[in-house]
Amino acid sequence: MGEQRPEARLEKAVRAAEQALIEFEIAVETFRVEVENFSRLHHQRLGPMYARLDELDAQLAEAKAARSQDPEDLRKAQEARAMVMPMPGVDELFHDWLDSDGLSPEAGAMLNGQTVQPPKRVRPSEEARKLYRELVRKAHPDLAQDDAERDRRDEFITRVNAAYALGNEALLGELVREWDAGPVPETRQSESDELYARLEWLSRRKELLATVARELEESAIGAMLRMAPDDPDRLLEEIAEQLLAQVSEREAELAEMVQ
């Protein structure tokens, strides 16, 4: 049996750490994609209900102020109304989201008792994950040796992340071929120095990803997904039922006040 190279043990440790980090990065990116999709679905299905509650709160506050003429009630009524008044430019910003009646398609569907079409829930396939692992391992910006190479990798990884977010296997495959055909940076360090530098980067990257994962999990949408990871749609239905009950209560209260 031949003598083992001095760097062999270090190289083995680097490869193991790389694999663990790549799996972690894929898990974080996948969760981020699901959080974004669920956030959009949450807005589509529940946004009109929250808006209706805000409007009813404003009408209740205004009805109360009209009765009492108390300065404090008038102030609260103005604040409640301000919560539902559009900010300057909002119509222009959301022009493409509105139909001829001034409602988003999702809001119009809800008010007409129709089913809201949810956005496509992206769950990247095993092949997409495999391609993503390969691309991250090869092209991460922190592997660059100079600023020009870092810029090239930054631009490329942005495209990789976008393709992975869509679960687009074909595009990820094209990106693998594009990267393999591209320039390879010169090796400027000894093998040992490169391995030690790689271990340091892996450690820093793991800390960064842990922070990103924690922020995603602690976000309002992330917390909702963790409450119902297997059936998030059912959770939305339960919240919608609660909101509808609140709308009914406020409508009944308002009807009594304006009699």
Protein backbone atom coordinates (compact mmCIF):
# COMPACT_ATOMS: atom_id res chain seq x y z
CA MET A 1 0.00 0.00 0.00
CA GLY A 2 1.46 3.35 -1.01
CA GLU A 3 2.11 6.18 1.44
CA GLN A 4 -0.84 8.55 1.79
CA ARG A 5 -0.31 12.13 0.68
CA PRO A 6 -0.10 14.61 3.59
CA GLU A 7 -3.02 16.55 2.17
CA ALA A 8 -5.24 13.50 1.68
CA ARG A 9 -6.85 13.63 5.13
CA LEU A 10 -7.48 17.36 4.83
CA GLU A 11 -8.92 16.89 1.35
CA LYS A 12 -11.30 14.23 2.68
CA ALA A 13 -12.48 16.58 5.42
CA VAL A 14 -13.05 19.37 2.89
CA ARG A 15 -15.10 17.11 0.62
CA ALA A 16 -17.27 15.95 3.53
CA ALA A 17 -17.83 19.53 4.68
CA GLU A 18 -18.65 20.59 1.11
CA GLN A 19 -21.29 17.90 0.76
CA ALA A 20 -22.88 18.78 4.09
CA LEU A 21 -22.92 22.49 3.26
CA ILE A 22 -24.39 21.95 -0.19
CA GLU A 23 -27.23 19.88 1.27
CA PHE A 24 -27.86 22.62 3.82
CA GLU A 25 -27.81 25.31 1.15
CA ILE A 26 -30.27 23.38 -0.99
CA ALA A 27 -32.60 22.91 1.99
CA VAL A 28 -32.47 26.63 2.81
CA GLU A 29 -33.05 27.67 -0.80
CA THR A 30 -35.93 25.21 -1.16
CA PHE A 31 -37.56 26.54 1.99
CA ARG A 32 -37.07 30.11 0.75
CA VAL A 33 -38.87 29.22 -2.50
CA GLU A 34 -41.75 27.67 -0.56
CA VAL A 35 -41.97 30.70 1.76
CA GLU A 36 -42.20 33.03 -1.24
CA ASN A 37 -44.88 30.93 -2.92
CA PHE A 38 -46.89 30.58 0.28
CA SER A 39 -46.57 34.31 0.93
CA ARG A 40 -48.06 35.02 -2.50
CA LEU A 41 -50.87 32.52 -1.93
CA HIS A 42 -51.55 34.02 1.51
CA HIS A 43 -51.84 37.48 -0.04
CA GLN A 44 -54.11 36.27 -2.85
CA ARG A 45 -56.54 34.38 -0.66
CA LEU A 46 -56.56 36.44 2.53
CA GLY A 47 -55.63 39.93 1.37
CA PRO A 48 -59.22 40.91 0.42
CA MET A 49 -60.47 39.75 3.82
CA TYR A 50 -57.90 41.81 5.70
CA ALA A 51 -58.83 44.80 3.53
CA ARG A 52 -62.52 44.26 4.31
CA LEU A 53 -61.77 44.15 8.04
CA ASP A 54 -59.81 47.40 7.81
CA GLU A 55 -62.72 49.06 5.99
CA LEU A 56 -65.24 47.84 8.57
CA ASP A 57 -63.03 49.04 11.42
CA ALA A 58 -62.90 52.47 9.79
CA GLN A 59 -66.68 52.56 9.33
CA LEU A 60 -67.25 51.50 12.94
CA ALA A 61 -64.89 54.18 14.21
CA GLU A 62 -66.56 56.80 12.02
CA ALA A 63 -70.03 55.76 13.18
CA LYS A 64 -68.95 55.99 16.80
CA ALA A 65 -67.38 59.43 16.26
CA ALA A 66 -70.49 60.68 14.45
CA ARG A 67 -72.59 59.72 17.46
CA SER A 68 -70.34 61.04 20.21
CA GLN A 69 -68.56 63.95 18.47
CA ASP A 70 -65.85 63.32 21.03
CA PRO A 71 -62.45 64.67 19.84
CA GLU A 72 -60.72 61.42 20.81
CA ASP A 73 -63.26 59.36 18.87
CA LEU A 74 -62.86 61.68 15.89
CA ARG A 75 -59.10 61.27 16.03
CA LYS A 76 -59.40 57.46 16.16
CA ALA A 77 -61.82 57.54 13.23
CA GLN A 78 -59.34 59.56 11.17
CA GLU A 79 -56.56 57.11 12.02
CA ALA A 80 -58.72 54.12 11.11
CA ARG A 81 -59.69 55.70 7.79
CA ALA A 82 -56.06 56.51 7.04
CA MET A 83 -55.29 52.80 7.35
CA VAL A 84 -57.49 52.02 4.35
CA MET A 85 -56.82 55.07 2.20
CA PRO A 86 -54.46 54.34 -0.71
CA MET A 87 -50.97 55.75 -0.52
CA PRO A 88 -49.89 58.13 -3.32
CA GLY A 89 -49.04 56.26 -6.46
CA VAL A 90 -50.42 52.92 -5.33
CA ASP A 91 -52.87 52.73 -8.25
CA GLU A 92 -50.03 53.24 -10.69
CA LEU A 93 -47.82 50.70 -8.91
CA PHE A 94 -50.48 48.00 -9.02
CA HIS A 95 -52.12 48.91 -12.33
CA ASP A 96 -51.19 45.55 -13.87
CA TRP A 97 -52.76 43.71 -10.94
CA LEU A 98 -56.20 45.31 -11.28
CA ASP A 99 -59.11 44.56 -13.55
CA SER A 100 -61.67 47.04 -14.93
CA ASP A 101 -63.55 47.00 -11.63
CA GLY A 102 -60.50 47.98 -9.64
CA LEU A 103 -60.13 44.54 -8.07
CA SER A 104 -57.41 41.97 -8.46
CA PRO A 105 -58.59 38.76 -10.14
CA GLU A 106 -58.17 36.96 -6.82
CA ALA A 107 -60.24 39.51 -4.92
CA GLY A 108 -62.94 39.48 -7.57
CA ALA A 109 -63.08 35.70 -7.49
CA MET A 110 -63.48 35.68 -3.73
CA LEU A 111 -66.24 38.26 -3.73
CA ASN A 112 -68.08 36.27 -6.40
CA GLY A 113 -67.75 33.02 -4.50
CA GLN A 114 -65.38 31.53 -7.03
CA THR A 115 -62.32 29.43 -6.34
CA VAL A 116 -59.07 31.36 -6.20
CA GLN A 117 -56.46 29.83 -8.44
CA PRO A 118 -53.36 29.28 -6.29
CA PRO A 119 -49.89 29.92 -7.67
CA LYS A 120 -47.87 26.93 -8.76
CA ARG A 121 -46.19 25.41 -5.72
CA VAL A 122 -42.59 24.83 -6.72
CA ARG A 123 -40.94 21.77 -5.23
CA PRO A 124 -37.64 21.18 -7.09
CA SER A 125 -37.14 17.60 -8.27
CA GLU A 126 -34.24 15.37 -7.27
CA GLU A 127 -32.62 16.00 -10.65
CA ALA A 128 -32.95 19.77 -10.16
CA ARG A 129 -31.38 19.45 -6.72
CA LYS A 130 -28.54 17.36 -8.15
CA LEU A 131 -27.81 19.97 -10.84
CA TYR A 132 -28.08 22.77 -8.29
CA ARG A 133 -25.56 21.00 -6.02
CA GLU A 134 -23.13 20.68 -8.91
CA LEU A 135 -23.46 24.32 -9.92
CA VAL A 136 -23.11 25.67 -6.38
CA ARG A 137 -20.05 23.50 -5.79
CA LYS A 138 -18.37 24.69 -8.98
CA ALA A 139 -19.43 28.30 -9.35
CA HIS A 140 -19.89 29.88 -5.91
CA PRO A 141 -18.53 33.47 -5.87
CA ASP A 142 -16.45 32.87 -2.75
CA LEU A 143 -14.25 30.52 -4.76
CA ALA A 144 -13.07 33.44 -6.93
CA GLN A 145 -9.43 34.49 -6.89
CA ASP A 146 -9.98 38.09 -8.04
CA ASP A 147 -12.71 40.73 -8.39
CA ALA A 148 -13.36 40.05 -12.06
CA GLU A 149 -13.86 36.36 -11.42
CA ARG A 150 -16.12 37.11 -8.44
CA ASP A 151 -18.31 39.37 -10.62
CA ARG A 152 -18.60 36.61 -13.22
CA ARG A 153 -19.60 34.08 -10.57
CA ASP A 154 -22.05 36.48 -8.90
CA GLU A 155 -23.90 36.99 -12.17
CA PHE A 156 -23.89 33.28 -12.94
CA ILE A 157 -25.10 32.13 -9.50
CA THR A 158 -27.95 34.66 -9.68
CA ARG A 159 -29.13 32.88 -12.81
CA VAL A 160 -28.65 29.50 -11.16
CA ASN A 161 -30.78 30.50 -8.18
CA ALA A 162 -33.52 31.85 -10.46
CA ALA A 163 -33.61 28.58 -12.43
CA TYR A 164 -33.71 26.53 -9.23
CA ALA A 165 -36.53 28.64 -7.83
CA LEU A 166 -38.56 27.66 -10.91
CA GLY A 167 -37.53 24.01 -10.64
CA ASN A 168 -36.35 24.27 -14.25
CA GLU A 169 -34.24 21.15 -14.87
CA ALA A 170 -33.57 21.95 -18.53
CA LEU A 171 -32.23 25.41 -17.75
CA LEU A 172 -30.08 24.10 -14.90
CA GLY A 173 -28.63 21.54 -17.30
CA GLU A 174 -27.82 24.29 -19.79
CA LEU A 175 -26.13 26.28 -17.01
CA VAL A 176 -23.97 23.28 -16.10
CA ARG A 177 -22.81 23.00 -19.70
CA GLU A 178 -22.26 26.77 -19.91
CA TRP A 179 -20.11 26.78 -16.79
CA ASP A 180 -18.08 23.77 -17.87
CA ALA A 181 -17.34 25.49 -21.19
CA GLY A 182 -16.27 28.73 -19.52
CA PRO A 183 -12.85 29.93 -18.35
CA VAL A 184 -11.22 28.21 -15.39
CA PRO A 185 -9.34 30.53 -13.02
CA GLU A 186 -5.67 29.90 -12.45
CA THR A 187 -4.58 28.08 -9.31
CA ARG A 188 -2.51 30.54 -7.30
CA GLN A 189 -2.07 28.66 -4.03
CA SER A 190 -0.51 25.42 -2.93
CA GLU A 191 -2.87 22.48 -2.48
CA SER A 192 -2.67 22.71 1.30
CA ASP A 193 -3.32 26.45 1.31
CA GLU A 194 -6.30 26.00 -0.99
CA LEU A 195 -7.78 23.29 1.23
CA TYR A 196 -7.39 25.35 4.39
CA ALA A 197 -8.90 28.38 2.67
CA ARG A 198 -11.76 26.21 1.48
CA LEU A 199 -12.46 24.97 5.02
CA GLU A 200 -12.52 28.54 6.31
CA TRP A 201 -14.97 29.57 3.61
CA LEU A 202 -17.18 26.56 4.33
CA SER A 203 -17.35 27.56 7.97
CA ARG A 204 -18.26 31.17 7.16
CA ARG A 205 -20.83 30.05 4.62
CA LYS A 206 -22.46 27.70 7.11
CA GLU A 207 -22.82 30.53 9.64
CA LEU A 208 -24.40 32.77 6.99
CA LEU A 209 -26.84 30.09 5.88
CA ALA A 210 -27.79 29.37 9.48
CA THR A 211 -28.70 33.04 9.88
CA VAL A 212 -30.76 33.01 6.67
CA ALA A 213 -32.55 29.83 7.73
CA ARG A 214 -33.34 31.27 11.15
CA GLU A 215 -34.75 34.46 9.62
CA LEU A 216 -36.95 32.42 7.26
CA GLU A 217 -38.23 30.21 10.06
CA GLU A 218 -38.94 33.17 12.34
CA SER A 219 -40.78 35.17 9.67
CA ALA A 220 -44.57 35.22 9.86
CA ILE A 221 -44.97 33.12 6.71
CA GLY A 222 -42.17 30.74 7.68
CA ALA A 223 -43.76 30.18 11.08
CA MET A 224 -47.07 29.38 9.38
CA LEU A 225 -45.41 26.85 7.10
CA ARG A 226 -43.72 25.17 10.05
CA MET A 227 -47.10 24.88 11.77
CA ALA A 228 -48.51 22.89 8.86
CA PRO A 229 -45.63 21.63 6.68
CA ASP A 230 -47.67 18.83 5.12
CA ASP A 231 -50.90 20.72 4.47
CA PRO A 232 -50.35 24.50 4.40
CA ASP A 233 -53.44 25.00 2.24
CA ARG A 234 -55.61 23.68 5.06
CA LEU A 235 -54.04 26.22 7.40
CA LEU A 236 -55.04 28.99 5.00
CA GLU A 237 -58.58 27.67 4.98
CA GLU A 238 -58.71 27.78 8.77
CA ILE A 239 -57.42 31.36 8.84
CA ALA A 240 -59.92 32.34 6.14
CA GLU A 241 -62.75 30.90 8.24
CA GLN A 242 -61.62 32.92 11.24
CA LEU A 243 -61.40 36.10 9.17
CA LEU A 244 -64.84 35.55 7.69
CA ALA A 245 -66.25 35.16 11.19
CA GLN A 246 -64.62 38.46 12.20
CA VAL A 247 -66.06 40.16 9.11
CA SER A 248 -69.54 38.91 10.01
CA GLU A 249 -69.21 40.15 13.58
CA ARG A 250 -68.11 43.62 12.48
CA GLU A 251 -70.84 43.85 9.85
CA ALA A 252 -73.46 42.98 12.48
CA GLU A 253 -72.00 45.53 14.88
CA LEU A 254 -71.97 48.20 12.19
CA ALA A 255 -75.58 47.43 11.21
CA GLU A 256 -76.69 48.02 14.81
CA MET A 257 -74.80 51.31 15.05
CA VAL A 258 -76.24 52.83 11.87
CA GLN A 259 -79.88 51.88 12.51
